[in-house]
PDB file of N, CA and C in Angstrom:
ATOM      1  N   MET A   1     122.332 125.353 159.663  1.00  0.00           N
ATOM      2  CA  MET A   1     121.123 124.368 159.260  1.00  0.00           C
ATOM      3  C   MET A   1     120.315 124.865 158.312  1.00  0.00           C
ATOM      4  N   THR A   2     119.943 126.295 158.267  1.00  0.00           N
ATOM      5  CA  THR A   2     119.381 126.770 157.174  1.00  0.00           C
ATOM      6  C   THR A   2     119.954 126.533 155.839  1.00  0.00           C
ATOM      7  N   PHE A   3     121.339 126.955 155.899  1.00  0.00           N
ATOM      8  CA  PHE A   3     122.470 126.896 154.750  1.00  0.00           C
ATOM      9  C   PHE A   3     122.321 125.553 154.223  1.00  0.00           C
ATOM     10  N   THR A   4     122.165 124.647 154.960  1.00  0.00           N
ATOM     11  CA  THR A   4     122.310 123.091 154.175  1.00  0.00           C
ATOM     12  C   THR A   4     121.290 122.978 153.747  1.00  0.00           C
ATOM     13  N   ILE A   5     120.035 122.977 154.204  1.00  0.00           N
ATOM     14  CA  ILE A   5     118.909 122.888 153.775  1.00  0.00           C
ATOM     15  C   ILE A   5     118.563 123.604 152.508  1.00  0.00           C
ATOM     16  N   ILE A   6     119.265 124.728 152.267  1.00  0.00           N
ATOM     17  CA  ILE A   6     118.958 125.372 150.813  1.00  0.00           C
ATOM     18  C   ILE A   6     119.986 124.901 149.970  1.00  0.00           C
ATOM     19  N   MET A   7     121.099 124.669 150.453  1.00  0.00           N
ATOM     20  CA  MET A   7     122.067 123.825 149.428  1.00  0.00           C
ATOM     21  C   MET A   7     121.340 122.516 148.820  1.00  0.00           C
ATOM     22  N   ILE A   8     120.968 121.793 149.792  1.00  0.00           N
ATOM     23  CA  ILE A   8     120.273 120.443 149.528  1.00  0.00           C
ATOM     24  C   ILE A   8     119.086 120.717 148.513  1.00  0.00           C
ATOM     25  N   ILE A   9     118.293 121.878 148.624  1.00  0.00           N
ATOM     26  CA  ILE A   9     116.920 121.788 147.539  1.00  0.00           C
ATOM     27  C   ILE A   9     117.566 122.381 146.414  1.00  0.00           C
ATOM     28  N   SER A  10     118.523 123.210 146.430  1.00  0.00           N
ATOM     29  CA  SER A  10     119.292 123.719 145.273  1.00  0.00           C
ATOM     30  C   SER A  10     120.070 122.825 144.409  1.00  0.00           C
ATOM     31  N   VAL A  11     120.347 121.946 145.071  1.00  0.00           N
ATOM     32  CA  VAL A  11     121.038 120.699 144.361  1.00  0.00           C
ATOM     33  C   VAL A  11     119.816 119.632 143.694  1.00  0.00           C
ATOM     34  N   ILE A  12     118.966 119.704 144.390  1.00  0.00           N
ATOM     35  CA  ILE A  12     117.527 118.660 143.989  1.00  0.00           C
ATOM     36  C   ILE A  12     117.036 119.388 142.630  1.00  0.00           C
ATOM     37  N   ILE A  13     116.939 120.738 142.486  1.00  0.00           N
ATOM     38  CA  ILE A  13     116.288 121.478 141.429  1.00  0.00           C
ATOM     39  C   ILE A  13     117.486 121.619 140.299  1.00  0.00           C
ATOM     40  N   VAL A  14     118.410 121.886 140.509  1.00  0.00           N
ATOM     41  CA  VAL A  14     119.624 121.437 139.467  1.00  0.00           C
ATOM     42  C   VAL A  14     119.635 120.289 138.784  1.00  0.00           C
ATOM     43  N   LEU A  15     119.505 119.213 139.642  1.00  0.00           N
ATOM     44  CA  LEU A  15     119.564 117.870 139.146  1.00  0.00           C
ATOM     45  C   LEU A  15     118.059 117.560 138.284  1.00  0.00           C
ATOM     46  N   GLY A  16     117.075 118.130 138.756  1.00  0.00           N
ATOM     47  CA  GLY A  16     115.919 117.791 138.410  1.00  0.00           C
ATOM     48  C   GLY A  16     115.817 118.279 137.017  1.00  0.00           C
ATOM     49  N   ILE A  17     116.406 119.802 136.591  1.00  0.00           N
ATOM     50  CA  ILE A  17     116.360 120.284 135.471  1.00  0.00           C
ATOM     51  C   ILE A  17     117.306 119.681 134.644  1.00  0.00           C
ATOM     52  N   ALA A  18     118.432 119.306 135.038  1.00  0.00           N
ATOM     53  CA  ALA A  18     119.101 118.435 134.380  1.00  0.00           C
ATOM     54  C   ALA A  18     118.689 117.297 133.618  1.00  0.00           C
ATOM     55  N   ALA A  19     117.943 116.777 134.289  1.00  0.00           N
ATOM     56  CA  ALA A  19     117.202 115.515 133.971  1.00  0.00           C
ATOM     57  C   ALA A  19     116.325 115.759 132.757  1.00  0.00           C
ATOM     58  N   ALA A  20     115.610 116.696 133.054  1.00  0.00           N
ATOM     59  CA  ALA A  20     114.427 116.887 131.951  1.00  0.00           C
ATOM     60  C   ALA A  20     115.015 117.425 130.987  1.00  0.00           C
ATOM     61  N   PHE A  21     116.316 118.060 131.087  1.00  0.00           N
ATOM     62  CA  PHE A  21     116.871 118.262 129.641  1.00  0.00           C
ATOM     63  C   PHE A  21     117.211 117.178 128.956  1.00  0.00           C
ATOM     64  N   GLY A  22     117.427 116.756 129.743  1.00  0.00           N
ATOM     65  CA  GLY A  22     118.126 115.148 129.163  1.00  0.00           C
ATOM     66  C   GLY A  22     116.991 114.564 128.249  1.00  0.00           C
ATOM     67  N   PHE A  23     115.881 114.308 129.003  1.00  0.00           N
ATOM     68  CA  PHE A  23     114.935 113.687 128.852  1.00  0.00           C
ATOM     69  C   PHE A  23     114.521 114.352 127.368  1.00  0.00           C
ATOM     70  N   ALA A  24     114.399 115.516 127.256  1.00  0.00           N
ATOM     71  CA  ALA A  24     113.889 116.262 126.052  1.00  0.00           C
ATOM     72  C   ALA A  24     114.725 116.035 124.931  1.00  0.00           C
ATOM     73  N   VAL A  25     116.028 116.242 124.951  1.00  0.00           N
ATOM     74  CA  VAL A  25     116.915 115.978 124.190  1.00  0.00           C
ATOM     75  C   VAL A  25     116.916 114.389 123.814  1.00  0.00           C
ATOM     76  N   ASN A  26     116.551 113.430 124.764  1.00  0.00           N
ATOM     77  CA  ASN A  26     116.464 112.458 124.237  1.00  0.00           C
ATOM     78  C   ASN A  26     115.356 112.046 123.354  1.00  0.00           C
ATOM     79  N   SER A  27     114.336 112.349 123.847  1.00  0.00           N
ATOM     80  CA  SER A  27     113.079 112.480 123.210  1.00  0.00           C
ATOM     81  C   SER A  27     113.004 112.832 121.565  1.00  0.00           C
ATOM     82  N   GLY A  28     113.867 114.196 121.574  1.00  0.00           N
ATOM     83  CA  GLY A  28     114.153 114.930 120.190  1.00  0.00           C
ATOM     84  C   GLY A  28     114.673 113.864 119.355  1.00  0.00           C
ATOM     85  N   TYR A  29     116.002 113.234 119.818  1.00  0.00           N
ATOM     86  CA  TYR A  29     116.990 112.495 118.966  1.00  0.00           C
ATOM     87  C   TYR A  29     115.902 111.024 118.667  1.00  0.00           C
ATOM     88  N   ASN A  30     115.194 110.877 119.379  1.00  0.00           N
ATOM     89  CA  ASN A  30     114.344 109.243 118.695  1.00  0.00           C
ATOM     90  C   ASN A  30     113.159 109.719 118.156  1.00  0.00           C
ATOM     91  N   TYR A  31     113.071 110.880 117.971  1.00  0.00           N
ATOM     92  CA  TYR A  31     111.640 111.180 117.261  1.00  0.00           C
ATOM     93  C   TYR A  31     111.968 110.960 115.687  1.00  0.00           C
ATOM     94  N   LYS A  32     111.011 110.273 114.719  1.00  0.00           N
ATOM     95  CA  LYS A  32     111.074 109.789 113.567  1.00  0.00           C
ATOM     96  C   LYS A  32     110.534 111.048 112.745  1.00  0.00           C
ATOM     97  N   HIS A  33     111.197 111.993 112.101  1.00  0.00           N
ATOM     98  CA  HIS A  33     110.857 113.206 111.304  1.00  0.00           C
ATOM     99  C   HIS A  33     110.223 112.297 109.764  1.00  0.00           C
ATOM    100  N   THR A  34     109.305 113.155 109.226  1.00  0.00           N
ATOM    101  CA  THR A  34     109.154 112.915 107.913  1.00  0.00           C
ATOM    102  C   THR A  34     108.965 113.793 107.125  1.00  0.00           C
ATOM    103  N   VAL A  35     109.123 114.026 106.098  1.00  0.00           N
ATOM    104  CA  VAL A  35     109.097 114.923 105.204  1.00  0.00           C
ATOM    105  C   VAL A  35     107.736 114.597 104.035  1.00  0.00           C
ATOM    106  N   ASP A  36     106.762 115.376 103.531  1.00  0.00           N
ATOM    107  CA  ASP A  36     105.897 115.048 102.250  1.00  0.00           C
ATOM    108  C   ASP A  36     107.016 115.351 101.004  1.00  0.00           C
ATOM    109  N   PRO A  37     106.380 114.247 100.428  1.00  0.00           N
ATOM    110  CA  PRO A  37     106.966 114.901  99.047  1.00  0.00           C
ATOM    111  C   PRO A  37     106.598 116.205  98.187  1.00  0.00           C
ATOM    112  N   HIS A  38     107.568 116.696  97.539  1.00  0.00           N
ATOM    113  CA  HIS A  38     106.955 117.800  96.828  1.00  0.00           C
ATOM    114  C   HIS A  38     106.059 117.517  95.526  1.00  0.00           C
ATOM    115  N   PRO A  39     104.780 118.343  95.204  1.00  0.00           N
ATOM    116  CA  PRO A  39     103.842 117.966  94.307  1.00  0.00           C
ATOM    117  C   PRO A  39     104.552 117.744  93.179  1.00  0.00           C
ATOM    118  N   ASP A  40     105.580 118.542  92.657  1.00  0.00           N
ATOM    119  CA  ASP A  40     106.150 118.409  91.358  1.00  0.00           C
ATOM    120  C   ASP A  40     107.119 117.216  91.428  1.00  0.00           C
ATOM    121  N   ASP A  41     107.601 116.972  92.226  1.00  0.00           N
ATOM    122  CA  ASP A  41     108.670 115.760  92.570  1.00  0.00           C
ATOM    123  C   ASP A  41     107.613 114.297  92.313  1.00  0.00           C
ATOM    124  N   GLU A  42     106.533 114.455  92.600  1.00  0.00           N
ATOM    125  CA  GLU A  42     105.893 113.094  92.453  1.00  0.00           C
ATOM    126  C   GLU A  42     105.664 112.991  90.872  1.00  0.00           C
ATOM    127  N   ASP A  43     105.473 113.845  89.907  1.00  0.00           N
ATOM    128  CA  ASP A  43     105.053 113.648  88.600  1.00  0.00           C
ATOM    129  C   ASP A  43     106.824 113.257  87.988  1.00  0.00           C
ATOM    130  N   ASN A  44     107.866 113.485  88.657  1.00  0.00           N
ATOM    131  CA  ASN A  44     109.091 113.524  87.888  1.00  0.00           C
ATOM    132  C   ASN A  44     109.831 112.265  88.711  1.00  0.00           C
ATOM    133  N   ASN A  45     109.141 111.871  89.858  1.00  0.00           N
ATOM    134  CA  ASN A  45     110.101 110.778  90.056  1.00  0.00           C
ATOM    135  C   ASN A  45     109.872 109.654  89.456  1.00  0.00           C
ATOM    136  N   SER A  46     109.455 109.143  88.795  1.00  0.00           N
ATOM    137  CA  SER A  46     109.596 107.788  87.970  1.00  0.00           C
ATOM    138  C   SER A  46     110.690 107.992  86.542  1.00  0.00           C
ATOM    139  N   GLU A  47     110.701 109.295  86.176  1.00  0.00           N
ATOM    140  CA  GLU A  47     111.510 109.933  85.481  1.00  0.00           C
ATOM    141  C   GLU A  47     112.856 109.887  86.020  1.00  0.00           C
ATOM    142  N   HIS A  48     112.914 110.518  87.333  1.00  0.00           N
ATOM    143  CA  HIS A  48     114.418 110.588  87.994  1.00  0.00           C
ATOM    144  C   HIS A  48     114.816 109.253  88.589  1.00  0.00           C
ATOM    145  N   ASN A  49     114.182 108.260  88.647  1.00  0.00           N
ATOM    146  CA  ASN A  49     114.357 106.545  89.074  1.00  0.00           C
ATOM    147  C   ASN A  49     115.162 106.194  88.088  1.00  0.00           C
ATOM    148  N   ALA A  50     114.317 106.583  86.595  1.00  0.00           N
ATOM    149  CA  ALA A  50     114.870 105.735  85.543  1.00  0.00           C
ATOM    150  C   ALA A  50     116.270 106.363  85.000  1.00  0.00           C
ATOM    151  N   GLU A  51     116.573 107.640  85.371  1.00  0.00           N
ATOM    152  CA  GLU A  51     118.032 108.078  85.098  1.00  0.00           C
ATOM    153  C   GLU A  51     119.133 107.447  86.270  1.00  0.00           C
ATOM    154  N   ASN A  52     118.447 107.371  87.232  1.00  0.00           N
ATOM    155  CA  ASN A  52     119.546 106.719  88.223  1.00  0.00           C
ATOM    156  C   ASN A  52     119.807 105.380  87.834  1.00  0.00           C
ATOM    157  N   GLU A  53     118.679 104.508  87.775  1.00  0.00           N
ATOM    158  CA  GLU A  53     118.887 103.512  87.030  1.00  0.00           C
ATOM    159  C   GLU A  53     120.154 103.084  85.798  1.00  0.00           C
ATOM    160  N   ALA A  54     119.802 104.197  85.271  1.00  0.00           N
ATOM    161  CA  ALA A  54     120.628 104.054  83.953  1.00  0.00           C
ATOM    162  C   ALA A  54     122.149 104.413  84.171  1.00  0.00           C
ATOM    163  N   GLN A  55     122.349 105.540  85.223  1.00  0.00           N
ATOM    164  CA  GLN A  55     123.734 105.870  85.398  1.00  0.00           C
ATOM    165  C   GLN A  55     124.527 104.426  86.275  1.00  0.00           C
ATOM    166  N   LYS A  56     123.672 104.028  86.864  1.00  0.00           N
ATOM    167  CA  LYS A  56     124.284 102.946  87.581  1.00  0.00           C
ATOM    168  C   LYS A  56     124.690 101.759  86.698  1.00  0.00           C
ATOM    169  N   SER A  57     124.210 101.413  85.631  1.00  0.00           N
ATOM    170  CA  SER A  57     124.399 100.351  84.544  1.00  0.00           C
ATOM    171  C   SER A  57     125.754 100.561  83.672  1.00  0.00           C
TER     172      SER A  57
END
């Protein structure tokens, strides 16, 4: 009887940890990551865009 109770509690704990892990991974993939532009890139951004447009033409 005691062994059965311990096994049931162990399985519940393992499933709870697996569910928490799955939730954390899923939340991480759903998070929208953003990167601030580098200050030097803001100055050269218009020049860079003009070069890209010239290469496409």
